[in-house]
N, C-alpha and C. Protein backbone atom coordinates (compact mmCIF):
# COMPACT_ATOMS: atom_id res chain seq x y z
N MET A 1 33.88 -32.13 18.29
CA MET A 1 35.01 -31.61 17.49
C MET A 1 35.11 -31.71 16.20
N ILE A 2 35.22 -30.47 15.46
CA ILE A 2 35.29 -30.57 13.84
C ILE A 2 36.76 -31.39 13.23
N ASN A 3 36.17 -32.15 12.29
CA ASN A 3 37.72 -32.85 11.54
C ASN A 3 38.51 -31.62 11.44
N GLN A 4 39.72 -31.84 11.91
CA GLN A 4 40.86 -30.86 11.53
C GLN A 4 41.92 -31.50 10.59
N ILE A 5 41.62 -32.74 9.87
CA ILE A 5 42.39 -33.22 8.86
C ILE A 5 41.69 -33.33 7.51
N ARG A 6 42.38 -32.93 6.29
CA ARG A 6 41.46 -33.07 5.20
C ARG A 6 42.56 -33.63 4.31
N SER A 7 42.14 -33.85 3.24
CA SER A 7 43.24 -34.49 2.16
C SER A 7 43.34 -33.66 1.48
N CYS A 8 45.05 -33.75 0.79
CA CYS A 8 45.28 -32.93 -0.08
C CYS A 8 44.86 -33.55 -1.56
N PRO A 9 44.50 -32.55 -2.18
CA PRO A 9 43.72 -32.70 -3.81
C PRO A 9 45.00 -33.40 -4.72
N ALA A 10 46.09 -32.79 -4.61
CA ALA A 10 47.12 -33.20 -5.26
C ALA A 10 47.81 -34.85 -5.23
N CYS A 11 48.40 -34.91 -3.87
CA CYS A 11 48.72 -36.25 -3.27
C CYS A 11 48.12 -36.88 -2.43
N ARG A 12 47.10 -36.61 -2.06
CA ARG A 12 45.98 -37.39 -1.31
C ARG A 12 46.56 -37.69 0.26
N SER A 13 47.50 -36.97 1.01
CA SER A 13 47.89 -37.02 1.91
C SER A 13 47.36 -36.35 2.98
N GLN A 14 47.25 -36.76 3.96
CA GLN A 14 46.58 -36.13 5.32
C GLN A 14 47.29 -34.66 5.71
N VAL A 15 46.34 -33.62 5.91
CA VAL A 15 47.04 -32.44 5.90
C VAL A 15 46.22 -31.66 6.85
N SER A 16 46.52 -31.11 7.74
CA SER A 16 45.90 -30.12 9.06
C SER A 16 45.14 -29.24 8.24
N ARG A 17 44.08 -28.88 8.66
CA ARG A 17 42.98 -27.82 8.25
C ARG A 17 43.55 -26.32 8.50
N ARG A 18 44.47 -26.16 9.32
CA ARG A 18 45.17 -24.95 9.46
C ARG A 18 46.63 -24.63 8.63
N ALA A 19 46.90 -25.79 7.94
CA ALA A 19 48.10 -25.63 6.87
C ALA A 19 47.90 -24.90 5.82
N SER A 20 48.52 -23.83 5.38
CA SER A 20 48.79 -23.06 4.27
C SER A 20 48.89 -23.76 3.16
N ARG A 21 50.21 -25.09 3.20
CA ARG A 21 50.18 -25.99 2.10
C ARG A 21 50.40 -27.33 2.36
N CYS A 22 50.52 -28.04 1.40
CA CYS A 22 50.77 -29.65 1.95
C CYS A 22 52.27 -29.95 2.19
N PRO A 23 52.36 -30.59 3.45
CA PRO A 23 53.86 -30.61 3.73
C PRO A 23 54.33 -31.84 2.69
N HIS A 24 54.01 -32.63 2.15
CA HIS A 24 54.19 -33.35 1.35
C HIS A 24 54.76 -33.22 -0.17
N CYS A 25 53.94 -32.29 -0.54
CA CYS A 25 53.68 -32.13 -2.23
C CYS A 25 54.15 -30.30 -2.20
N GLY A 26 53.79 -29.77 -1.26
CA GLY A 26 54.02 -28.29 -1.49
C GLY A 26 52.95 -27.63 -2.02
N ARG A 27 51.69 -28.33 -2.35
CA ARG A 27 50.44 -27.82 -3.09
C ARG A 27 49.84 -26.20 -1.94
N PRO A 28 49.67 -25.53 -2.37
CA PRO A 28 48.67 -24.53 -1.30
C PRO A 28 47.54 -25.06 -1.24
N MET A 29 47.15 -24.96 -0.02
CA MET A 29 45.79 -25.45 0.48
C MET A 29 45.02 -24.05 0.93
N PHE A 30 44.03 -23.89 -0.04
CA PHE A 30 42.97 -22.88 0.19
C PHE A 30 41.73 -23.28 0.89
N ARG A 31 41.28 -22.48 1.38
CA ARG A 31 39.57 -22.44 1.92
C ARG A 31 39.02 -22.10 1.24
N SER A 32 37.67 -22.92 1.47
CA SER A 32 36.75 -22.43 0.43
C SER A 32 35.94 -21.10 0.73
N VAL A 33 35.72 -20.28 -0.14
CA VAL A 33 35.59 -18.97 -0.33
C VAL A 33 33.82 -18.77 -0.23
N TRP A 34 33.14 -19.97 -0.59
CA TRP A 34 31.62 -19.71 -0.81
C TRP A 34 30.81 -19.72 0.33
N PRO A 35 31.58 -19.72 1.58
CA PRO A 35 30.62 -19.53 2.97
C PRO A 35 30.83 -17.77 3.05
N VAL A 36 31.92 -17.43 2.58
CA VAL A 36 31.87 -15.82 2.53
C VAL A 36 31.43 -15.06 1.81
N VAL A 37 30.88 -15.65 0.60
CA VAL A 37 30.44 -15.12 -0.51
C VAL A 37 29.28 -14.83 -0.49
N LEU A 38 28.44 -16.13 0.31
CA LEU A 38 27.46 -16.34 0.50
C LEU A 38 26.80 -15.44 1.74
N LEU A 39 27.53 -15.54 2.64
CA LEU A 39 27.15 -14.25 3.52
C LEU A 39 27.28 -13.11 3.47
N ILE A 40 28.24 -12.48 2.47
CA ILE A 40 28.07 -11.12 1.91
C ILE A 40 26.78 -10.90 0.69
N VAL A 41 26.38 -11.93 0.38
CA VAL A 41 25.16 -11.89 -1.02
C VAL A 41 23.89 -11.69 -0.06
N ALA A 42 24.22 -12.50 1.25
CA ALA A 42 22.89 -12.21 1.90
C ALA A 42 22.55 -10.93 2.84
N VAL A 43 23.79 -10.74 3.22
CA VAL A 43 24.00 -9.54 3.77
C VAL A 43 23.14 -8.23 2.94
N VAL A 44 23.76 -7.97 1.69
CA VAL A 44 23.40 -7.62 0.76
C VAL A 44 22.15 -7.64 0.30
N GLY A 45 21.51 -8.36 0.00
CA GLY A 45 20.29 -8.55 -0.06
C GLY A 45 19.42 -8.21 0.77
N ILE A 46 19.73 -8.57 2.26
CA ILE A 46 18.92 -7.95 3.13
C ILE A 46 18.90 -6.42 3.68
N LEU A 47 20.01 -6.25 3.24
CA LEU A 47 20.28 -4.58 3.38
C LEU A 47 19.17 -3.86 2.18
N TRP A 48 19.36 -4.55 0.92
CA TRP A 48 18.52 -3.90 -0.15
C TRP A 48 17.13 -3.80 0.01
N LEU A 49 16.67 -5.12 0.75
CA LEU A 49 15.42 -5.14 0.87
C LEU A 49 14.76 -3.99 2.05
N VAL A 50 15.58 -3.84 3.28
CA VAL A 50 15.29 -3.17 4.35
C VAL A 50 15.52 -1.61 3.66
N PHE A 51 16.40 -0.98 2.86
CA PHE A 51 16.35 0.24 2.26
C PHE A 51 15.32 0.71 1.44
N ALA A 52 14.91 -0.77 0.31
CA ALA A 52 14.12 -0.56 -0.80
C ALA A 52 12.69 -0.56 -0.02
N GLY A 53 12.40 -1.02 1.13
CA GLY A 53 11.09 -1.01 1.72
C GLY A 53 10.82 0.71 2.41
N VAL A 54 12.16 1.07 2.87
CA VAL A 54 12.16 2.35 3.64
C VAL A 54 11.47 3.22 2.41
N GLY A 55 12.44 3.41 1.15
CA GLY A 55 12.16 4.41 0.06
C GLY A 55 10.80 4.19 -0.30
N GLN A 56 10.41 2.98 -0.40
CA GLN A 56 8.80 2.76 -0.83
C GLN A 56 7.88 3.42 -0.06
N ALA A 57 8.13 3.13 1.11
CA ALA A 57 7.08 3.43 2.23
C ALA A 57 7.11 5.35 2.26
N ALA A 58 8.21 5.91 2.04
CA ALA A 58 8.16 7.38 1.95
C ALA A 58 7.78 7.61 0.58
N LYS A 59 8.07 7.00 -0.49
CA LYS A 59 7.24 7.27 -1.56
C LYS A 59 5.65 7.27 -1.57
N GLU A 60 4.83 6.17 -0.92
CA GLU A 60 3.77 5.98 -0.73
C GLU A 60 3.28 7.10 -0.07
N ARG A 61 4.08 7.59 1.09
CA ARG A 61 3.50 8.57 2.00
C ARG A 61 3.65 10.03 1.34
N ALA A 62 4.60 10.48 0.65
CA ALA A 62 4.27 11.69 0.00
C ALA A 62 2.99 11.71 -0.89
N ILE A 63 3.05 10.68 -1.87
CA ILE A 63 2.00 10.53 -2.76
C ILE A 63 0.75 10.70 -1.78
N GLN A 64 0.24 10.03 -0.77
CA GLN A 64 -0.91 10.74 0.06
C GLN A 64 -1.01 12.06 0.43
N GLU A 65 0.16 12.47 0.99
CA GLU A 65 0.28 13.78 1.02
C GLU A 65 0.00 14.78 0.22
N GLN A 66 0.58 14.44 -1.02
CA GLN A 66 -0.22 14.82 -2.45
C GLN A 66 -1.66 14.83 -2.75
N ARG A 67 -2.03 13.62 -2.34
CA ARG A 67 -3.48 13.59 -2.90
C ARG A 67 -4.40 14.26 -1.77
N GLU A 68 -3.88 14.12 -0.42
CA GLU A 68 -4.58 14.98 0.53
C GLU A 68 -4.68 16.68 0.01
N ALA A 69 -3.39 17.23 -0.24
CA ALA A 69 -3.36 18.19 -0.64
C ALA A 69 -4.43 19.15 -2.08
N ASN A 70 -4.33 17.80 -2.66
CA ASN A 70 -4.93 18.18 -3.87
C ASN A 70 -6.59 18.22 -3.50
N SER A 71 -6.80 17.50 -2.70
CA SER A 71 -8.26 17.22 -1.90
C SER A 71 -8.47 18.48 -1.40
N LEU A 72 -7.68 19.04 -0.44
CA LEU A 72 -8.19 20.24 0.08
C LEU A 72 -7.97 21.58 -0.82
N GLN A 73 -6.99 21.32 -2.14
CA GLN A 73 -7.49 22.82 -2.84
C GLN A 73 -8.96 22.81 -3.53
N ASP A 74 -8.95 21.53 -3.99
CA ASP A 74 -10.43 21.31 -4.90
C ASP A 74 -11.34 21.83 -3.93
N TYR A 75 -11.26 21.18 -2.52
CA TYR A 75 -12.60 21.68 -1.75
C TYR A 75 -12.57 23.10 -1.59
N ASP A 76 -11.29 23.95 -1.62
CA ASP A 76 -11.36 25.24 -1.14
C ASP A 76 -11.71 25.89 -2.34
N ARG A 77 -11.45 25.26 -4.03
CA ARG A 77 -12.29 25.88 -4.90
C ARG A 77 -13.83 25.89 -5.34
N ALA A 78 -14.29 24.58 -4.63
CA ALA A 78 -15.69 24.35 -4.73
C ALA A 78 -16.34 25.50 -3.68
N MET A 79 -15.67 25.38 -2.52
CA MET A 79 -16.20 26.64 -1.23
C MET A 79 -16.42 27.96 -2.08
N LYS A 80 -15.29 28.39 -2.97
CA LYS A 80 -15.22 29.90 -3.28
C LYS A 80 -16.25 29.94 -4.50
N ARG A 81 -16.52 28.76 -5.65
CA ARG A 81 -17.54 29.12 -6.58
C ARG A 81 -18.67 29.09 -5.89
N ALA A 82 -18.99 28.25 -4.45
CA ALA A 82 -20.28 27.97 -3.91
C ALA A 82 -20.53 29.23 -3.21
N THR A 83 -19.67 29.94 -2.84
CA THR A 83 -20.11 31.36 -2.17
C THR A 83 -19.64 32.36 -3.00
N GLY A 84 -19.30 32.21 -4.22
CA GLY A 84 -19.11 33.31 -5.03
C GLY A 84 -17.93 34.13 -4.70
N ASN A 85 -17.24 33.80 -4.27
CA ASN A 85 -15.71 34.41 -3.60
C ASN A 85 -14.92 34.26 -4.86
């Protein structure tokens, strides 16, 4: 079971983790936001990597198709020159 008690930073009294304020001194008890921030950064980073990879693959495919089209055009020109058409 996770420790359900923590210390108040202001008065050092024991306070429940569910409490929004210290019952002794009234100081607001904030939860740490770092786990949430790290989770958001991780998700955004993973999504960026996935979509950047998809975009890169599409660019590479388009470049390859263009190269193939250029090769076919060059072949057609060479054949027309060779046959005299």
